[in-house]
N, C-alpha and C. Protein backbone atom coordinates (compact mmCIF):
# COMPACT_ATOMS: atom_id res chain seq x y z
N MET A 1 -1.54 1.06 24.54
CA MET A 1 -0.57 1.68 23.64
C MET A 1 0.52 0.69 23.22
N SER A 2 1.00 -0.13 24.17
CA SER A 2 2.03 -1.10 23.82
C SER A 2 1.52 -2.09 22.77
N TYR A 3 0.24 -2.47 22.89
CA TYR A 3 -0.38 -3.36 21.91
C TYR A 3 -0.42 -2.71 20.54
N ARG A 4 -0.71 -1.41 20.50
CA ARG A 4 -0.76 -0.68 19.23
C ARG A 4 0.64 -0.53 18.61
N VAL A 5 1.65 -0.35 19.45
CA VAL A 5 3.02 -0.26 18.93
C VAL A 5 3.44 -1.59 18.29
N VAL A 6 3.14 -2.68 18.98
CA VAL A 6 3.44 -4.02 18.42
C VAL A 6 2.70 -4.21 17.11
N ALA A 7 1.42 -3.80 17.07
CA ALA A 7 0.62 -3.94 15.85
C ALA A 7 1.21 -3.11 14.71
N LEU A 8 1.69 -1.89 15.04
CA LEU A 8 2.32 -1.05 14.02
C LEU A 8 3.53 -1.74 13.41
N ILE A 9 4.40 -2.31 14.25
CA ILE A 9 5.61 -2.96 13.76
C ILE A 9 5.25 -4.17 12.91
N ILE A 10 4.30 -4.97 13.39
CA ILE A 10 3.85 -6.14 12.62
C ILE A 10 3.28 -5.71 11.28
N GLY A 11 2.44 -4.67 11.29
CA GLY A 11 1.82 -4.19 10.06
C GLY A 11 2.84 -3.66 9.06
N LEU A 12 3.81 -2.90 9.56
CA LEU A 12 4.85 -2.34 8.69
C LEU A 12 5.64 -3.44 8.01
N VAL A 13 6.11 -4.41 8.79
CA VAL A 13 6.95 -5.48 8.23
C VAL A 13 6.14 -6.36 7.27
N LEU A 14 4.90 -6.69 7.65
CA LEU A 14 4.06 -7.51 6.77
C LEU A 14 3.72 -6.78 5.47
N ASN A 15 3.52 -5.47 5.55
CA ASN A 15 3.22 -4.70 4.34
C ASN A 15 4.39 -4.75 3.37
N ALA A 16 5.59 -4.51 3.89
CA ALA A 16 6.77 -4.57 3.02
C ALA A 16 6.98 -5.99 2.50
N PHE A 17 6.77 -6.99 3.35
CA PHE A 17 6.92 -8.40 2.95
C PHE A 17 5.96 -8.75 1.81
N GLY A 18 4.69 -8.40 1.97
CA GLY A 18 3.70 -8.72 0.95
C GLY A 18 3.95 -7.99 -0.35
N ASN A 19 4.26 -6.70 -0.26
CA ASN A 19 4.56 -5.93 -1.48
C ASN A 19 5.79 -6.48 -2.18
N ALA A 20 6.83 -6.79 -1.41
CA ALA A 20 8.06 -7.32 -2.01
C ALA A 20 7.81 -8.67 -2.67
N LEU A 21 6.98 -9.50 -2.07
CA LEU A 21 6.66 -10.80 -2.66
C LEU A 21 5.96 -10.63 -4.00
N SER A 22 5.02 -9.71 -4.08
CA SER A 22 4.31 -9.50 -5.34
C SER A 22 5.23 -8.87 -6.39
N VAL A 23 6.15 -8.00 -5.95
CA VAL A 23 7.10 -7.39 -6.89
C VAL A 23 8.07 -8.44 -7.42
N ALA A 24 8.61 -9.30 -6.52
CA ALA A 24 9.56 -10.33 -6.94
C ALA A 24 8.90 -11.36 -7.85
N ALA A 25 7.63 -11.69 -7.56
CA ALA A 25 6.93 -12.67 -8.39
C ALA A 25 6.62 -12.11 -9.77
N ASN A 26 6.51 -10.78 -9.89
CA ASN A 26 6.34 -10.11 -11.18
C ASN A 26 5.12 -10.63 -11.94
N ALA A 27 4.01 -10.80 -11.20
CA ALA A 27 2.76 -11.19 -11.85
C ALA A 27 1.64 -10.27 -11.39
N GLY A 28 2.00 -9.01 -11.19
CA GLY A 28 1.05 -8.01 -10.76
C GLY A 28 1.24 -7.63 -9.31
N SER A 29 1.37 -6.34 -9.04
CA SER A 29 1.56 -5.85 -7.68
C SER A 29 0.41 -4.92 -7.32
N GLY A 30 0.46 -4.37 -6.11
CA GLY A 30 -0.54 -3.39 -5.72
C GLY A 30 -0.56 -2.22 -6.70
N ILE A 31 -1.71 -1.59 -6.84
CA ILE A 31 -1.89 -0.60 -7.90
C ILE A 31 -0.99 0.62 -7.71
N TRP A 32 -0.74 1.04 -6.45
CA TRP A 32 0.15 2.17 -6.22
C TRP A 32 1.59 1.83 -6.59
N THR A 33 2.02 0.61 -6.26
CA THR A 33 3.36 0.17 -6.65
C THR A 33 3.47 0.08 -8.17
N ALA A 34 2.42 -0.45 -8.80
CA ALA A 34 2.42 -0.55 -10.27
C ALA A 34 2.51 0.83 -10.91
N ALA A 35 1.82 1.81 -10.33
CA ALA A 35 1.89 3.18 -10.86
C ALA A 35 3.32 3.72 -10.78
N ALA A 36 3.99 3.47 -9.64
CA ALA A 36 5.37 3.94 -9.48
C ALA A 36 6.29 3.28 -10.51
N VAL A 37 6.09 1.99 -10.75
CA VAL A 37 6.91 1.28 -11.74
C VAL A 37 6.70 1.88 -13.13
N ASN A 38 5.47 2.18 -13.49
CA ASN A 38 5.19 2.75 -14.81
C ASN A 38 5.78 4.15 -14.96
N ILE A 39 5.72 4.95 -13.90
CA ILE A 39 6.34 6.28 -13.93
C ILE A 39 7.85 6.13 -14.10
N ALA A 40 8.44 5.16 -13.39
CA ALA A 40 9.89 4.93 -13.49
C ALA A 40 10.31 4.59 -14.91
N TYR A 41 9.54 3.74 -15.57
CA TYR A 41 9.86 3.40 -16.96
C TYR A 41 9.68 4.61 -17.88
N TRP A 42 8.70 5.44 -17.59
CA TRP A 42 8.42 6.60 -18.43
C TRP A 42 9.54 7.64 -18.33
N ILE A 43 9.97 7.96 -17.10
CA ILE A 43 10.95 9.03 -16.92
C ILE A 43 12.36 8.49 -16.66
N HIS A 44 12.49 7.14 -16.73
CA HIS A 44 13.79 6.48 -16.47
C HIS A 44 14.30 6.82 -15.08
N GLY A 45 13.40 6.72 -14.11
CA GLY A 45 13.76 7.03 -12.72
C GLY A 45 13.85 5.78 -11.87
N ASN A 46 14.12 5.98 -10.58
CA ASN A 46 14.24 4.91 -9.61
C ASN A 46 12.90 4.68 -8.93
N VAL A 47 12.44 3.42 -8.90
CA VAL A 47 11.13 3.11 -8.36
C VAL A 47 11.03 3.51 -6.88
N GLY A 48 12.08 3.23 -6.10
CA GLY A 48 12.05 3.57 -4.68
C GLY A 48 11.90 5.06 -4.45
N VAL A 49 12.63 5.85 -5.23
CA VAL A 49 12.54 7.31 -5.09
C VAL A 49 11.14 7.79 -5.48
N ILE A 50 10.59 7.21 -6.55
CA ILE A 50 9.25 7.62 -7.00
C ILE A 50 8.20 7.25 -5.95
N LEU A 51 8.34 6.06 -5.35
CA LEU A 51 7.42 5.68 -4.28
C LEU A 51 7.49 6.66 -3.12
N LEU A 52 8.70 7.12 -2.80
CA LEU A 52 8.86 8.08 -1.72
C LEU A 52 8.20 9.41 -2.08
N ILE A 53 8.42 9.89 -3.31
CA ILE A 53 7.84 11.17 -3.75
C ILE A 53 6.31 11.08 -3.75
N VAL A 54 5.78 9.98 -4.31
CA VAL A 54 4.33 9.79 -4.34
C VAL A 54 3.78 9.74 -2.91
N GLY A 55 4.52 9.08 -2.02
CA GLY A 55 4.08 9.00 -0.63
C GLY A 55 4.03 10.36 0.04
N VAL A 56 5.04 11.19 -0.20
CA VAL A 56 5.05 12.54 0.38
C VAL A 56 3.87 13.36 -0.17
N CYS A 57 3.60 13.22 -1.47
CA CYS A 57 2.45 13.92 -2.08
C CYS A 57 1.14 13.45 -1.45
N SER A 58 1.04 12.15 -1.18
CA SER A 58 -0.17 11.61 -0.53
C SER A 58 -0.29 12.16 0.89
N ALA A 59 0.84 12.27 1.59
CA ALA A 59 0.81 12.82 2.95
C ALA A 59 0.32 14.27 2.94
N LEU A 60 0.75 15.03 1.92
CA LEU A 60 0.27 16.42 1.79
C LEU A 60 -1.22 16.45 1.47
N LEU A 61 -1.68 15.54 0.60
CA LEU A 61 -3.11 15.46 0.29
C LEU A 61 -3.93 15.17 1.55
N ASN A 62 -3.40 14.32 2.40
CA ASN A 62 -4.13 13.98 3.63
C ASN A 62 -4.37 15.20 4.51
N GLN A 63 -3.41 16.13 4.50
CA GLN A 63 -3.59 17.36 5.27
C GLN A 63 -4.79 18.15 4.76
N LEU A 64 -4.98 18.13 3.43
CA LEU A 64 -6.14 18.81 2.85
C LEU A 64 -7.43 18.09 3.21
N LEU A 65 -7.38 16.74 3.18
CA LEU A 65 -8.60 15.97 3.43
C LEU A 65 -9.10 16.12 4.86
N ILE A 66 -8.17 16.31 5.82
CA ILE A 66 -8.61 16.47 7.21
C ILE A 66 -8.85 17.94 7.58
N HIS A 67 -8.66 18.84 6.59
CA HIS A 67 -8.99 20.27 6.73
C HIS A 67 -8.17 20.97 7.81
N GLN A 68 -6.94 20.50 8.01
CA GLN A 68 -6.08 21.19 8.99
C GLN A 68 -4.64 20.75 8.78
N VAL A 69 -3.73 21.49 9.40
CA VAL A 69 -2.31 21.14 9.37
C VAL A 69 -2.01 20.29 10.60
N ASP A 70 -1.59 19.05 10.36
CA ASP A 70 -1.26 18.12 11.45
C ASP A 70 0.17 17.63 11.19
N ILE A 71 1.14 18.38 11.73
CA ILE A 71 2.55 18.10 11.47
C ILE A 71 2.96 16.71 11.96
N PRO A 72 2.59 16.29 13.18
CA PRO A 72 2.98 14.94 13.62
C PRO A 72 2.47 13.85 12.68
N ARG A 73 1.26 14.01 12.18
CA ARG A 73 0.70 13.03 11.24
C ARG A 73 1.53 13.00 9.96
N PHE A 74 1.88 14.17 9.43
CA PHE A 74 2.67 14.25 8.20
C PHE A 74 4.05 13.62 8.39
N VAL A 75 4.73 13.99 9.48
CA VAL A 75 6.07 13.46 9.73
C VAL A 75 6.01 11.94 9.92
N GLY A 76 5.01 11.47 10.65
CA GLY A 76 4.87 10.04 10.87
C GLY A 76 4.70 9.27 9.58
N GLU A 77 3.92 9.83 8.66
CA GLU A 77 3.70 9.15 7.37
C GLU A 77 4.98 9.11 6.54
N VAL A 78 5.75 10.19 6.56
CA VAL A 78 7.02 10.21 5.82
C VAL A 78 8.00 9.21 6.43
N VAL A 79 8.04 9.13 7.77
CA VAL A 79 8.90 8.15 8.44
C VAL A 79 8.48 6.74 8.06
N PHE A 80 7.18 6.50 8.05
CA PHE A 80 6.68 5.16 7.72
C PHE A 80 7.10 4.75 6.31
N ILE A 81 6.90 5.63 5.34
CA ILE A 81 7.19 5.25 3.96
C ILE A 81 8.70 5.09 3.75
N SER A 82 9.50 5.83 4.51
CA SER A 82 10.95 5.66 4.42
C SER A 82 11.35 4.28 4.93
N CYS A 83 10.81 3.86 6.07
CA CYS A 83 11.08 2.52 6.62
C CYS A 83 10.54 1.44 5.69
N PHE A 84 9.35 1.68 5.18
CA PHE A 84 8.69 0.75 4.26
C PHE A 84 9.57 0.49 3.03
N SER A 85 10.11 1.55 2.45
CA SER A 85 10.96 1.40 1.26
C SER A 85 12.22 0.60 1.59
N TYR A 86 12.78 0.83 2.77
CA TYR A 86 13.98 0.09 3.19
C TYR A 86 13.69 -1.41 3.31
N PHE A 87 12.59 -1.76 3.98
CA PHE A 87 12.25 -3.17 4.15
C PHE A 87 11.89 -3.84 2.82
N ILE A 88 11.24 -3.10 1.93
CA ILE A 88 10.92 -3.68 0.61
C ILE A 88 12.21 -4.09 -0.10
N ASP A 89 13.22 -3.22 -0.08
CA ASP A 89 14.50 -3.55 -0.72
C ASP A 89 15.09 -4.82 -0.13
N LEU A 90 15.04 -4.96 1.19
CA LEU A 90 15.58 -6.15 1.85
C LEU A 90 14.84 -7.40 1.41
N PHE A 91 13.51 -7.34 1.43
CA PHE A 91 12.72 -8.52 1.11
C PHE A 91 12.80 -8.89 -0.38
N VAL A 92 12.82 -7.89 -1.26
CA VAL A 92 12.96 -8.19 -2.69
C VAL A 92 14.29 -8.89 -2.95
N ALA A 93 15.35 -8.40 -2.33
CA ALA A 93 16.66 -9.05 -2.49
C ALA A 93 16.61 -10.49 -1.98
N MET A 94 15.93 -10.71 -0.86
CA MET A 94 15.82 -12.05 -0.30
C MET A 94 15.04 -12.98 -1.23
N PHE A 95 13.89 -12.50 -1.74
CA PHE A 95 13.08 -13.33 -2.62
C PHE A 95 13.79 -13.60 -3.95
N THR A 96 14.54 -12.63 -4.42
CA THR A 96 15.31 -12.83 -5.65
C THR A 96 16.38 -13.89 -5.45
N LYS A 97 17.04 -13.84 -4.29
CA LYS A 97 18.05 -14.84 -3.96
C LYS A 97 17.44 -16.23 -3.88
N TRP A 98 16.20 -16.32 -3.43
CA TRP A 98 15.51 -17.60 -3.34
C TRP A 98 15.03 -18.11 -4.70
N GLY A 99 15.10 -17.27 -5.73
CA GLY A 99 14.75 -17.71 -7.08
C GLY A 99 13.30 -17.54 -7.45
N ILE A 100 12.56 -16.74 -6.70
CA ILE A 100 11.14 -16.55 -7.00
C ILE A 100 10.90 -15.95 -8.39
N PRO A 101 11.70 -14.96 -8.84
CA PRO A 101 11.45 -14.42 -10.19
C PRO A 101 11.62 -15.44 -11.32
N ALA A 102 12.34 -16.54 -11.05
CA ALA A 102 12.59 -17.55 -12.07
C ALA A 102 11.55 -18.67 -12.08
N LEU A 103 10.57 -18.62 -11.17
CA LEU A 103 9.55 -19.66 -11.12
C LEU A 103 8.61 -19.56 -12.33
N GLY A 104 7.86 -20.62 -12.56
CA GLY A 104 6.88 -20.62 -13.64
C GLY A 104 5.77 -19.60 -13.38
N LEU A 105 5.08 -19.21 -14.45
CA LEU A 105 4.07 -18.16 -14.34
C LEU A 105 2.97 -18.52 -13.35
N GLY A 106 2.53 -19.76 -13.35
CA GLY A 106 1.46 -20.16 -12.43
C GLY A 106 1.84 -19.95 -10.98
N TRP A 107 3.05 -20.39 -10.61
CA TRP A 107 3.53 -20.18 -9.24
C TRP A 107 3.67 -18.71 -8.92
N ARG A 108 4.17 -17.91 -9.88
CA ARG A 108 4.36 -16.49 -9.63
C ARG A 108 3.02 -15.78 -9.46
N MET A 109 2.00 -16.20 -10.20
CA MET A 109 0.66 -15.63 -10.03
C MET A 109 0.13 -15.90 -8.62
N LEU A 110 0.30 -17.14 -8.18
CA LEU A 110 -0.16 -17.50 -6.83
C LEU A 110 0.58 -16.70 -5.77
N LEU A 111 1.89 -16.52 -5.95
CA LEU A 111 2.67 -15.76 -4.98
C LEU A 111 2.31 -14.28 -4.99
N SER A 112 1.99 -13.75 -6.17
CA SER A 112 1.55 -12.35 -6.24
C SER A 112 0.24 -12.17 -5.48
N ILE A 113 -0.69 -13.10 -5.67
CA ILE A 113 -1.97 -13.03 -4.96
C ILE A 113 -1.75 -13.17 -3.46
N LEU A 114 -0.84 -14.08 -3.06
CA LEU A 114 -0.51 -14.22 -1.65
C LEU A 114 0.08 -12.93 -1.10
N GLY A 115 0.99 -12.32 -1.86
CA GLY A 115 1.61 -11.07 -1.43
C GLY A 115 0.58 -9.97 -1.23
N VAL A 116 -0.36 -9.84 -2.18
CA VAL A 116 -1.42 -8.83 -2.06
C VAL A 116 -2.27 -9.10 -0.83
N THR A 117 -2.60 -10.37 -0.59
CA THR A 117 -3.41 -10.73 0.58
C THR A 117 -2.69 -10.34 1.87
N ILE A 118 -1.39 -10.62 1.92
CA ILE A 118 -0.61 -10.29 3.11
C ILE A 118 -0.58 -8.79 3.36
N PHE A 119 -0.33 -7.99 2.31
CA PHE A 119 -0.23 -6.56 2.58
C PHE A 119 -1.60 -5.93 2.84
N ALA A 120 -2.68 -6.52 2.31
CA ALA A 120 -4.02 -6.02 2.63
C ALA A 120 -4.33 -6.28 4.11
N CYS A 121 -3.96 -7.46 4.61
CA CYS A 121 -4.13 -7.76 6.04
C CYS A 121 -3.32 -6.79 6.89
N SER A 122 -2.10 -6.48 6.43
CA SER A 122 -1.23 -5.59 7.21
C SER A 122 -1.81 -4.19 7.30
N ILE A 123 -2.48 -3.76 6.22
CA ILE A 123 -3.09 -2.42 6.22
C ILE A 123 -4.14 -2.34 7.33
N SER A 124 -4.96 -3.38 7.45
CA SER A 124 -5.96 -3.42 8.52
C SER A 124 -5.30 -3.28 9.88
N ILE A 125 -4.18 -3.97 10.07
CA ILE A 125 -3.52 -3.97 11.38
C ILE A 125 -3.02 -2.59 11.75
N TYR A 126 -2.27 -1.93 10.85
CA TYR A 126 -1.70 -0.65 11.27
C TYR A 126 -2.68 0.51 11.13
N GLN A 127 -3.76 0.33 10.34
CA GLN A 127 -4.81 1.35 10.36
C GLN A 127 -5.50 1.35 11.71
N ARG A 128 -5.72 0.18 12.28
CA ARG A 128 -6.36 0.11 13.60
C ARG A 128 -5.40 0.56 14.70
N ALA A 129 -4.11 0.27 14.54
CA ALA A 129 -3.13 0.79 15.50
C ALA A 129 -3.15 2.31 15.49
N ASN A 130 -3.24 2.87 14.28
CA ASN A 130 -3.43 4.32 14.08
C ASN A 130 -2.42 5.16 14.85
N LEU A 131 -1.15 4.76 14.77
CA LEU A 131 -0.07 5.58 15.31
C LEU A 131 0.58 6.34 14.16
N ILE A 132 1.26 5.62 13.27
CA ILE A 132 1.66 6.18 11.98
C ILE A 132 1.33 5.12 10.94
N MET A 133 1.18 5.53 9.70
CA MET A 133 0.87 4.55 8.66
C MET A 133 1.32 5.07 7.30
N HIS A 134 1.27 4.18 6.31
CA HIS A 134 1.61 4.56 4.94
C HIS A 134 0.65 5.67 4.50
N PRO A 135 1.15 6.73 3.87
CA PRO A 135 0.27 7.85 3.48
C PRO A 135 -0.92 7.42 2.63
N ASN A 136 -0.72 6.49 1.69
CA ASN A 136 -1.83 6.06 0.84
C ASN A 136 -2.91 5.36 1.65
N ASP A 137 -2.49 4.63 2.67
CA ASP A 137 -3.46 3.93 3.50
C ASP A 137 -4.14 4.87 4.48
N ASP A 138 -3.45 5.93 4.88
CA ASP A 138 -4.12 6.95 5.69
C ASP A 138 -5.16 7.67 4.84
N THR A 139 -4.86 7.85 3.55
CA THR A 139 -5.85 8.46 2.65
C THR A 139 -7.12 7.65 2.64
N SER A 140 -6.98 6.33 2.46
CA SER A 140 -8.18 5.48 2.43
C SER A 140 -8.87 5.46 3.79
N ASN A 141 -8.09 5.54 4.88
CA ASN A 141 -8.67 5.59 6.22
C ASN A 141 -9.47 6.87 6.41
N ILE A 142 -8.92 8.00 5.97
CA ILE A 142 -9.63 9.29 6.06
C ILE A 142 -10.90 9.25 5.23
N LEU A 143 -10.78 8.75 4.00
CA LEU A 143 -11.96 8.65 3.14
C LEU A 143 -13.02 7.76 3.78
N ARG A 144 -12.56 6.66 4.38
CA ARG A 144 -13.48 5.69 4.97
C ARG A 144 -14.30 6.30 6.10
N PHE A 145 -13.64 7.01 7.02
CA PHE A 145 -14.32 7.46 8.23
C PHE A 145 -14.84 8.90 8.16
N MET A 146 -14.27 9.74 7.29
CA MET A 146 -14.74 11.12 7.20
C MET A 146 -15.70 11.35 6.04
N TYR A 147 -15.62 10.50 5.02
CA TYR A 147 -16.40 10.78 3.81
C TYR A 147 -17.31 9.63 3.36
N LEU A 148 -17.02 8.39 3.76
CA LEU A 148 -17.73 7.25 3.18
C LEU A 148 -18.39 6.36 4.23
N GLY A 149 -18.69 6.90 5.38
CA GLY A 149 -19.48 6.19 6.36
C GLY A 149 -18.90 4.90 6.89
N GLY A 150 -17.54 4.79 6.93
CA GLY A 150 -16.91 3.61 7.48
C GLY A 150 -16.79 2.43 6.53
N ARG A 151 -17.09 2.63 5.24
CA ARG A 151 -17.06 1.52 4.28
C ARG A 151 -15.65 1.32 3.73
N ALA A 152 -15.00 0.21 4.13
CA ALA A 152 -13.61 -0.06 3.75
C ALA A 152 -13.48 -0.30 2.25
N THR A 153 -14.39 -1.06 1.67
CA THR A 153 -14.29 -1.40 0.25
C THR A 153 -14.44 -0.15 -0.61
N ALA A 154 -15.41 0.70 -0.28
CA ALA A 154 -15.62 1.92 -1.06
C ALA A 154 -14.41 2.84 -0.97
N SER A 155 -13.82 2.95 0.22
CA SER A 155 -12.66 3.83 0.37
C SER A 155 -11.47 3.34 -0.44
N GLN A 156 -11.30 2.01 -0.53
CA GLN A 156 -10.21 1.46 -1.33
C GLN A 156 -10.41 1.77 -2.80
N PHE A 157 -11.63 1.63 -3.30
CA PHE A 157 -11.89 1.92 -4.71
C PHE A 157 -11.61 3.38 -5.04
N VAL A 158 -12.01 4.30 -4.16
CA VAL A 158 -11.74 5.73 -4.39
C VAL A 158 -10.25 6.00 -4.35
N ASP A 159 -9.55 5.35 -3.40
CA ASP A 159 -8.11 5.55 -3.26
C ASP A 159 -7.34 5.02 -4.47
N PHE A 160 -7.93 4.09 -5.22
CA PHE A 160 -7.26 3.51 -6.38
C PHE A 160 -7.38 4.38 -7.64
N ILE A 161 -8.24 5.39 -7.62
CA ILE A 161 -8.44 6.21 -8.82
C ILE A 161 -7.15 6.93 -9.24
N PRO A 162 -6.42 7.63 -8.33
CA PRO A 162 -5.20 8.33 -8.77
C PRO A 162 -4.16 7.42 -9.42
N PRO A 163 -3.79 6.25 -8.84
CA PRO A 163 -2.78 5.42 -9.52
C PRO A 163 -3.24 4.88 -10.86
N ILE A 164 -4.54 4.61 -11.00
CA ILE A 164 -5.05 4.16 -12.30
C ILE A 164 -4.88 5.26 -13.34
N VAL A 165 -5.16 6.50 -12.93
CA VAL A 165 -4.97 7.65 -13.84
C VAL A 165 -3.49 7.80 -14.19
N MET A 166 -2.60 7.62 -13.18
CA MET A 166 -1.15 7.71 -13.44
C MET A 166 -0.71 6.67 -14.48
N ILE A 167 -1.20 5.45 -14.33
CA ILE A 167 -0.82 4.39 -15.27
C ILE A 167 -1.33 4.72 -16.67
N ALA A 168 -2.55 5.25 -16.75
CA ALA A 168 -3.12 5.61 -18.05
C ALA A 168 -2.29 6.71 -18.72
N ILE A 169 -1.86 7.70 -17.94
CA ILE A 169 -1.04 8.79 -18.50
C ILE A 169 0.30 8.23 -18.99
N CYS A 170 0.91 7.34 -18.20
CA CYS A 170 2.18 6.74 -18.61
C CYS A 170 2.02 5.95 -19.91
N TYR A 171 0.89 5.26 -20.04
CA TYR A 171 0.65 4.46 -21.24
C TYR A 171 0.59 5.35 -22.48
N VAL A 172 0.01 6.55 -22.33
CA VAL A 172 -0.08 7.47 -23.46
C VAL A 172 1.31 7.79 -24.01
N PHE A 173 2.29 7.90 -23.10
CA PHE A 173 3.64 8.29 -23.52
C PHE A 173 4.54 7.10 -23.84
N THR A 174 4.33 5.96 -23.19
CA THR A 174 5.23 4.81 -23.40
C THR A 174 4.62 3.71 -24.26
N ARG A 175 3.29 3.70 -24.37
CA ARG A 175 2.57 2.63 -25.08
C ARG A 175 2.84 1.26 -24.46
N GLN A 176 3.22 1.24 -23.19
CA GLN A 176 3.44 0.00 -22.45
C GLN A 176 2.82 0.14 -21.06
N ILE A 177 2.38 -1.00 -20.52
CA ILE A 177 1.91 -1.03 -19.13
C ILE A 177 2.74 -2.08 -18.39
N TYR A 178 3.34 -1.67 -17.29
CA TYR A 178 4.23 -2.55 -16.53
C TYR A 178 3.61 -2.88 -15.16
N SER A 179 3.98 -4.07 -14.64
CA SER A 179 3.60 -4.50 -13.29
C SER A 179 2.09 -4.58 -13.07
N VAL A 180 1.35 -4.72 -14.13
CA VAL A 180 -0.10 -4.91 -14.02
C VAL A 180 -0.43 -6.29 -14.55
N ASN A 181 -0.96 -7.13 -13.66
CA ASN A 181 -1.27 -8.50 -14.04
C ASN A 181 -2.35 -9.01 -13.08
N VAL A 182 -2.43 -10.30 -12.93
CA VAL A 182 -3.49 -10.88 -12.11
C VAL A 182 -3.44 -10.38 -10.67
N GLY A 183 -2.22 -10.17 -10.12
CA GLY A 183 -2.10 -9.67 -8.76
C GLY A 183 -2.69 -8.28 -8.61
N THR A 184 -2.53 -7.44 -9.62
CA THR A 184 -3.08 -6.08 -9.58
C THR A 184 -4.60 -6.10 -9.61
N LEU A 185 -5.16 -6.91 -10.50
CA LEU A 185 -6.61 -7.04 -10.58
C LEU A 185 -7.18 -7.56 -9.26
N TYR A 186 -6.51 -8.55 -8.70
CA TYR A 186 -6.92 -9.09 -7.41
C TYR A 186 -6.89 -8.01 -6.34
N SER A 187 -5.85 -7.19 -6.35
CA SER A 187 -5.73 -6.10 -5.38
C SER A 187 -6.87 -5.10 -5.52
N ILE A 188 -7.16 -4.70 -6.76
CA ILE A 188 -8.22 -3.72 -6.99
C ILE A 188 -9.57 -4.26 -6.51
N LEU A 189 -9.84 -5.53 -6.80
CA LEU A 189 -11.14 -6.11 -6.49
C LEU A 189 -11.31 -6.46 -5.01
N PHE A 190 -10.23 -6.90 -4.36
CA PHE A 190 -10.38 -7.53 -3.06
C PHE A 190 -9.66 -6.84 -1.90
N ASN A 191 -8.86 -5.81 -2.15
CA ASN A 191 -8.17 -5.14 -1.05
C ASN A 191 -9.12 -4.73 0.07
N GLY A 192 -10.18 -4.01 -0.31
CA GLY A 192 -11.13 -3.53 0.68
C GLY A 192 -11.84 -4.66 1.41
N VAL A 193 -12.17 -5.72 0.68
CA VAL A 193 -12.84 -6.88 1.27
C VAL A 193 -11.93 -7.54 2.31
N ILE A 194 -10.66 -7.71 1.95
CA ILE A 194 -9.70 -8.35 2.86
C ILE A 194 -9.48 -7.48 4.10
N ILE A 195 -9.38 -6.17 3.90
CA ILE A 195 -9.19 -5.26 5.04
C ILE A 195 -10.38 -5.34 5.99
N ALA A 196 -11.59 -5.32 5.44
CA ALA A 196 -12.79 -5.39 6.28
C ALA A 196 -12.84 -6.70 7.06
N ALA A 197 -12.48 -7.81 6.39
CA ALA A 197 -12.48 -9.12 7.06
C ALA A 197 -11.38 -9.17 8.13
N SER A 198 -10.22 -8.59 7.81
CA SER A 198 -9.10 -8.60 8.77
C SER A 198 -9.44 -7.78 10.01
N ASP A 199 -10.21 -6.71 9.83
CA ASP A 199 -10.64 -5.90 10.99
C ASP A 199 -11.34 -6.77 12.02
N LYS A 200 -12.07 -7.79 11.55
CA LYS A 200 -12.87 -8.63 12.45
C LYS A 200 -12.09 -9.84 12.97
N HIS A 201 -11.18 -10.38 12.15
CA HIS A 201 -10.63 -11.69 12.45
C HIS A 201 -9.13 -11.71 12.79
N ILE A 202 -8.37 -10.67 12.44
CA ILE A 202 -6.94 -10.63 12.75
C ILE A 202 -6.70 -9.59 13.84
N MET A 203 -6.12 -10.03 14.94
CA MET A 203 -5.95 -9.17 16.12
C MET A 203 -7.27 -8.46 16.43
N PRO A 204 -8.35 -9.23 16.70
CA PRO A 204 -9.69 -8.65 16.84
C PRO A 204 -9.84 -7.69 18.02
N HIS A 205 -8.92 -7.73 18.97
CA HIS A 205 -9.00 -6.81 20.11
C HIS A 205 -8.34 -5.46 19.81
N LEU A 206 -7.86 -5.31 18.59
CA LEU A 206 -7.29 -4.03 18.16
C LEU A 206 -8.39 -3.27 17.44
N TYR A 207 -8.84 -2.17 18.03
CA TYR A 207 -10.01 -1.47 17.51
C TYR A 207 -9.60 -0.17 16.81
N HIS A 208 -10.40 0.20 15.81
CA HIS A 208 -10.19 1.49 15.13
C HIS A 208 -10.35 2.62 16.13
N ASN A 209 -9.43 3.57 16.08
CA ASN A 209 -9.55 4.77 16.91
C ASN A 209 -9.24 5.98 16.04
N PHE A 210 -9.89 6.01 14.86
CA PHE A 210 -9.64 7.10 13.92
C PHE A 210 -9.82 8.45 14.61
N ARG A 211 -8.89 9.35 14.35
CA ARG A 211 -8.91 10.64 15.01
C ARG A 211 -8.39 11.74 14.09
N VAL A 212 -8.86 12.94 14.33
CA VAL A 212 -8.30 14.15 13.71
C VAL A 212 -7.99 15.11 14.83
N SER A 213 -6.76 15.60 14.87
CA SER A 213 -6.35 16.52 15.95
C SER A 213 -7.13 17.83 15.85
N HIS A 214 -7.32 18.47 16.98
CA HIS A 214 -8.00 19.78 17.02
C HIS A 214 -7.12 20.78 17.76
C-alpha cells in the first residue's frame, strides 16, 4: 500500500507537470484539455473551472459504467481533479516565468510532445496504483478492463471520442479550433501505446489491481 501511495503522488504530480508543459508550449495539448480550452473560448469561461466540471461529469459517467454507486471512488476522483488543477496552475506559472511560451515553434512542438509523453507515463503509474485517479483516466481504465479485454490503446481511442465531439461542437459555433496542434495529434495516436509500454517498463513492480466494489 505504501508503494501505491508513493506511485499515486508521483503520478499526480507528473500528470500536472506534463499537461502544464504542453499548455505552456502552446503547440497542442491532451485532447481533454484542448476540449476544455475550446469550450472556454466558446462560452467565455475559465478553463480550470471547465476542467473541473468536465471531470465531475466524467466521475458520474464512471458510476454508470461500473453499474453501481461507489461513493469513495467518486469522491476520490473529484479530490484528484481538484489537486490536479491546482498543480497545473503552479506549473504553468513556472513554465511561463521560464519563457517557454516565447520559444520558437520548433522548440514548443518538441516540448508539447515531451509533455504529452510525461503525462501518458503518469497515467500508467496512477492507474496501476488504483487508489484515486483522474476521472477521465478511470473511464479509460474501466473501458480497458470491463469492456475491451485489457487493451490500453483501444480504451484510449474510445475515451477520446467525447472530447473530439466537444471540439467539433465548439467549432460549429466559434469557427475556430484552439489548443489543437502536433501535441494533440501525438496524444491521440500514442497515448495508449505509451501507457501500455509504461505498464511494463516504469515502476514494473507496480501491478494493475483493477477493482469494482460489491
